[in-house]
């Protein structure tokens, strides 16, 4: 039997605080929302068990670490090989996101590379070598103009 998602305003407020500062302590959440520390702990565990909180992560400025190139690779694939393509792309560490899409491409991969030379190697030696990928088109990002989280509190 599937657990029912019983999400209320307290859960949304906890998520909103954590989304803005993943390092926020349970005590700070408790104080800001006027609820007990135990309630915060139970609510966060519930949100994790429902899969709403996937993980706790850092937002890293990769360009400061030498990863200066972000690109998007549109993939046209043989649909009979889709699972194989996904499995192989998952093995490529430069692929940081993979989306199943509508439109011209079946999938869209976001990749992070050090420079154009490493992007070229990635495309030729790794991506195009995957059985089931019929065509790719690469778009290089010149700069990220907007990156934000949605406002959960309406």
C-alpha atoms as a PDB file:
ATOM      1  CA  UNK A   1       0.000   0.000   0.000  1.00  0.00           C
ATOM      2  CA  UNK A   2       1.348   3.404  -1.008  1.00  0.00           C
ATOM      3  CA  UNK A   3       1.900   5.950   1.771  1.00  0.00           C
ATOM      4  CA  UNK A   4      -0.307   9.009   1.406  1.00  0.00           C
ATOM      5  CA  UNK A   5       1.539  12.297   0.944  1.00  0.00           C
ATOM      6  CA  UNK A   6       0.163  14.358   3.788  1.00  0.00           C
ATOM      7  CA  UNK A   7       2.033  17.626   3.326  1.00  0.00           C
ATOM      8  CA  UNK A   8       0.901  20.735   5.185  1.00  0.00           C
ATOM      9  CA  UNK A   9       2.073  24.340   5.649  1.00  0.00           C
ATOM     10  CA  UNK A  10       4.605  23.340   8.317  1.00  0.00           C
ATOM     11  CA  UNK A  11       6.255  20.911   5.880  1.00  0.00           C
ATOM     12  CA  UNK A  12       6.283  23.565   3.144  1.00  0.00           C
ATOM     13  CA  UNK A  13       7.828  26.111   5.517  1.00  0.00           C
ATOM     14  CA  UNK A  14      10.516  23.627   6.581  1.00  0.00           C
ATOM     15  CA  UNK A  15      11.303  22.890   2.924  1.00  0.00           C
ATOM     16  CA  UNK A  16      11.437  26.580   2.102  1.00  0.00           C
ATOM     17  CA  UNK A  17      13.908  27.304   4.915  1.00  0.00           C
ATOM     18  CA  UNK A  18      16.089  24.318   3.982  1.00  0.00           C
ATOM     19  CA  UNK A  19      16.000  25.122   0.281  1.00  0.00           C
ATOM     20  CA  UNK A  20      17.369  28.582   0.989  1.00  0.00           C
ATOM     21  CA  UNK A  21      20.015  27.298   3.424  1.00  0.00           C
ATOM     22  CA  UNK A  22      20.719  23.559   3.409  1.00  0.00           C
ATOM     23  CA  UNK A  23      23.054  24.050   6.401  1.00  0.00           C
ATOM     24  CA  UNK A  24      20.287  25.408   8.615  1.00  0.00           C
ATOM     25  CA  UNK A  25      20.069  23.558  11.901  1.00  0.00           C
ATOM     26  CA  UNK A  26      16.974  21.853  13.223  1.00  0.00           C
ATOM     27  CA  UNK A  27      17.044  24.218  16.219  1.00  0.00           C
ATOM     28  CA  UNK A  28      17.017  27.262  13.923  1.00  0.00           C
ATOM     29  CA  UNK A  29      14.061  25.818  12.008  1.00  0.00           C
ATOM     30  CA  UNK A  30      12.298  25.143  15.308  1.00  0.00           C
ATOM     31  CA  UNK A  31      12.853  28.721  16.493  1.00  0.00           C
ATOM     32  CA  UNK A  32      11.856  30.366  13.211  1.00  0.00           C
ATOM     33  CA  UNK A  33       8.660  28.363  12.840  1.00  0.00           C
ATOM     34  CA  UNK A  34       7.744  28.215  16.527  1.00  0.00           C
ATOM     35  CA  UNK A  35       7.547  24.413  16.613  1.00  0.00           C
ATOM     36  CA  UNK A  36       9.349  21.841  18.748  1.00  0.00           C
ATOM     37  CA  UNK A  37      12.721  20.387  17.818  1.00  0.00           C
ATOM     38  CA  UNK A  38      11.151  16.909  17.824  1.00  0.00           C
ATOM     39  CA  UNK A  39       8.500  18.042  15.340  1.00  0.00           C
ATOM     40  CA  UNK A  40      11.191  19.385  13.005  1.00  0.00           C
ATOM     41  CA  UNK A  41      13.089  16.088  13.178  1.00  0.00           C
ATOM     42  CA  UNK A  42       9.963  13.982  12.540  1.00  0.00           C
ATOM     43  CA  UNK A  43       8.811  16.214   9.680  1.00  0.00           C
ATOM     44  CA  UNK A  44      12.194  16.124   7.913  1.00  0.00           C
ATOM     45  CA  UNK A  45      12.362  12.319   8.261  1.00  0.00           C
ATOM     46  CA  UNK A  46       8.836  12.118   6.779  1.00  0.00           C
ATOM     47  CA  UNK A  47       9.824  14.339   3.847  1.00  0.00           C
ATOM     48  CA  UNK A  48      12.883  12.150   3.234  1.00  0.00           C
ATOM     49  CA  UNK A  49      10.842   8.933   3.409  1.00  0.00           C
ATOM     50  CA  UNK A  50       8.365  10.310   0.838  1.00  0.00           C
ATOM     51  CA  UNK A  51      11.303  11.171  -1.447  1.00  0.00           C
ATOM     52  CA  UNK A  52      10.472  14.884  -1.389  1.00  0.00           C
ATOM     53  CA  UNK A  53      13.895  15.618   0.099  1.00  0.00           C
ATOM     54  CA  UNK A  54      16.217  13.734  -2.247  1.00  0.00           C
ATOM     55  CA  UNK A  55      19.511  14.699  -0.645  1.00  0.00           C
ATOM     56  CA  UNK A  56      21.466  17.507   0.925  1.00  0.00           C
ATOM     57  CA  UNK A  57      23.982  19.016  -1.456  1.00  0.00           C
ATOM     58  CA  UNK A  58      26.304  21.916  -2.092  1.00  0.00           C
ATOM     59  CA  UNK A  59      26.058  24.476  -4.876  1.00  0.00           C
ATOM     60  CA  UNK A  60      29.620  24.654  -6.156  1.00  0.00           C
ATOM     61  CA  UNK A  61      30.964  27.298  -8.532  1.00  0.00           C
ATOM     62  CA  UNK A  62      32.626  24.755 -10.800  1.00  0.00           C
ATOM     63  CA  UNK A  63      34.225  27.392 -13.019  1.00  0.00           C
ATOM     64  CA  UNK A  64      36.418  28.424 -10.072  1.00  0.00           C
ATOM     65  CA  UNK A  65      37.677  24.830  -9.980  1.00  0.00           C
ATOM     66  CA  UNK A  66      38.554  24.767 -13.680  1.00  0.00           C
ATOM     67  CA  UNK A  67      35.292  23.427 -15.138  1.00  0.00           C
ATOM     68  CA  UNK A  68      34.659  26.371 -17.421  1.00  0.00           C
ATOM     69  CA  UNK A  69      32.360  24.872 -20.056  1.00  0.00           C
ATOM     70  CA  UNK A  70      28.728  23.896 -19.739  1.00  0.00           C
ATOM     71  CA  UNK A  71      27.037  22.373 -22.766  1.00  0.00           C
ATOM     72  CA  UNK A  72      23.779  20.704 -23.672  1.00  0.00           C
ATOM     73  CA  UNK A  73      23.795  17.687 -25.950  1.00  0.00           C
ATOM     74  CA  UNK A  74      20.571  16.859 -27.775  1.00  0.00           C
ATOM     75  CA  UNK A  75      20.330  13.124 -28.428  1.00  0.00           C
ATOM     76  CA  UNK A  76      18.333  11.262 -31.036  1.00  0.00           C
ATOM     77  CA  UNK A  77      18.326   7.607 -30.068  1.00  0.00           C
ATOM     78  CA  UNK A  78      17.063   4.241 -31.206  1.00  0.00           C
ATOM     79  CA  UNK A  79      14.095   3.774 -28.869  1.00  0.00           C
ATOM     80  CA  UNK A  80      14.815   0.039 -28.561  1.00  0.00           C
ATOM     81  CA  UNK A  81      18.194   0.946 -27.038  1.00  0.00           C
ATOM     82  CA  UNK A  82      16.910   3.659 -24.654  1.00  0.00           C
ATOM     83  CA  UNK A  83      17.706   1.787 -21.439  1.00  0.00           C
ATOM     84  CA  UNK A  84      21.196   0.966 -22.692  1.00  0.00           C
ATOM     85  CA  UNK A  85      21.802   4.603 -23.686  1.00  0.00           C
ATOM     86  CA  UNK A  86      20.664   5.847 -20.269  1.00  0.00           C
ATOM     87  CA  UNK A  87      22.832   3.280 -18.501  1.00  0.00           C
ATOM     88  CA  UNK A  88      25.907   4.238 -20.530  1.00  0.00           C
ATOM     89  CA  UNK A  89      25.357   7.988 -20.132  1.00  0.00           C
ATOM     90  CA  UNK A  90      25.029   7.487 -16.393  1.00  0.00           C
ATOM     91  CA  UNK A  91      28.600   6.149 -16.383  1.00  0.00           C
ATOM     92  CA  UNK A  92      29.971   9.380 -17.895  1.00  0.00           C
ATOM     93  CA  UNK A  93      30.843  11.660 -14.986  1.00  0.00           C
ATOM     94  CA  UNK A  94      30.682  14.830 -17.090  1.00  0.00           C
ATOM     95  CA  UNK A  95      26.958  14.193 -17.679  1.00  0.00           C
ATOM     96  CA  UNK A  96      25.415  16.037 -14.745  1.00  0.00           C
ATOM     97  CA  UNK A  97      21.774  15.928 -15.896  1.00  0.00           C
ATOM     98  CA  UNK A  98      19.820  13.830 -18.369  1.00  0.00           C
ATOM     99  CA  UNK A  99      16.260  14.647 -19.401  1.00  0.00           C
ATOM    100  CA  UNK A 100      13.740  12.702 -21.488  1.00  0.00           C
ATOM    101  CA  UNK A 101      12.257  15.384 -23.735  1.00  0.00           C
ATOM    102  CA  UNK A 102       9.649  16.170 -26.331  1.00  0.00           C
ATOM    103  CA  UNK A 103      10.443  17.880 -29.593  1.00  0.00           C
ATOM    104  CA  UNK A 104      13.392  17.312 -31.890  1.00  0.00           C
ATOM    105  CA  UNK A 105      15.480  15.342 -29.389  1.00  0.00           C
ATOM    106  CA  UNK A 106      14.576  12.275 -27.366  1.00  0.00           C
ATOM    107  CA  UNK A 107      16.944  13.232 -24.565  1.00  0.00           C
ATOM    108  CA  UNK A 108      18.903  16.279 -23.482  1.00  0.00           C
ATOM    109  CA  UNK A 109      22.138  15.896 -21.526  1.00  0.00           C
ATOM    110  CA  UNK A 110      23.730  18.714 -19.572  1.00  0.00           C
ATOM    111  CA  UNK A 111      27.493  18.270 -19.384  1.00  0.00           C
ATOM    112  CA  UNK A 112      30.251  20.032 -17.501  1.00  0.00           C
ATOM    113  CA  UNK A 113      33.785  20.080 -18.961  1.00  0.00           C
ATOM    114  CA  UNK A 114      37.058  21.892 -18.357  1.00  0.00           C
ATOM    115  CA  UNK A 115      37.305  23.310 -21.899  1.00  0.00           C
ATOM    116  CA  UNK A 116      36.445  22.721 -25.566  1.00  0.00           C
ATOM    117  CA  UNK A 117      39.154  20.066 -25.894  1.00  0.00           C
ATOM    118  CA  UNK A 118      37.610  17.931 -23.137  1.00  0.00           C
ATOM    119  CA  UNK A 119      34.126  18.534 -24.591  1.00  0.00           C
ATOM    120  CA  UNK A 120      35.344  17.317 -27.988  1.00  0.00           C
ATOM    121  CA  UNK A 121      36.811  14.177 -26.402  1.00  0.00           C
ATOM    122  CA  UNK A 122      33.609  13.606 -24.455  1.00  0.00           C
ATOM    123  CA  UNK A 123      31.436  13.811 -27.554  1.00  0.00           C
ATOM    124  CA  UNK A 124      33.655  11.776 -29.877  1.00  0.00           C
ATOM    125  CA  UNK A 125      35.093   9.169 -27.527  1.00  0.00           C
ATOM    126  CA  UNK A 126      32.279   8.681 -25.047  1.00  0.00           C
ATOM    127  CA  UNK A 127      28.854   9.909 -26.162  1.00  0.00           C
ATOM    128  CA  UNK A 128      29.011   9.080 -29.884  1.00  0.00           C
ATOM    129  CA  UNK A 129      30.512   5.688 -29.034  1.00  0.00           C
ATOM    130  CA  UNK A 130      27.324   4.584 -27.255  1.00  0.00           C
ATOM    131  CA  UNK A 131      25.329   2.035 -29.217  1.00  0.00           C
ATOM    132  CA  UNK A 132      21.832   3.361 -29.785  1.00  0.00           C
ATOM    133  CA  UNK A 133      22.720   7.030 -30.167  1.00  0.00           C
ATOM    134  CA  UNK A 134      21.933   7.931 -33.752  1.00  0.00           C
ATOM    135  CA  UNK A 135      22.598  11.684 -33.764  1.00  0.00           C
ATOM    136  CA  UNK A 136      23.775  14.413 -31.415  1.00  0.00           C
ATOM    137  CA  UNK A 137      23.716  18.176 -31.485  1.00  0.00           C
ATOM    138  CA  UNK A 138      25.762  20.174 -29.002  1.00  0.00           C
ATOM    139  CA  UNK A 139      24.948  23.644 -27.728  1.00  0.00           C
ATOM    140  CA  UNK A 140      27.574  25.461 -25.653  1.00  0.00           C
ATOM    141  CA  UNK A 141      26.390  27.728 -22.868  1.00  0.00           C
ATOM    142  CA  UNK A 142      28.087  31.138 -22.968  1.00  0.00           C
ATOM    143  CA  UNK A 143      26.836  32.023 -19.481  1.00  0.00           C
ATOM    144  CA  UNK A 144      24.153  31.038 -16.997  1.00  0.00           C
ATOM    145  CA  UNK A 145      21.771  33.952 -16.721  1.00  0.00           C
ATOM    146  CA  UNK A 146      19.205  32.597 -14.259  1.00  0.00           C
ATOM    147  CA  UNK A 147      19.527  29.863 -11.677  1.00  0.00           C
ATOM    148  CA  UNK A 148      16.978  29.726  -8.902  1.00  0.00           C
ATOM    149  CA  UNK A 149      14.699  27.599  -6.816  1.00  0.00           C
ATOM    150  CA  UNK A 150      10.938  28.006  -6.943  1.00  0.00           C
ATOM    151  CA  UNK A 151       9.120  29.732  -4.101  1.00  0.00           C
ATOM    152  CA  UNK A 152       7.209  27.032  -2.228  1.00  0.00           C
ATOM    153  CA  UNK A 153       5.292  29.506  -0.086  1.00  0.00           C
ATOM    154  CA  UNK A 154       2.513  31.208  -2.048  1.00  0.00           C
END
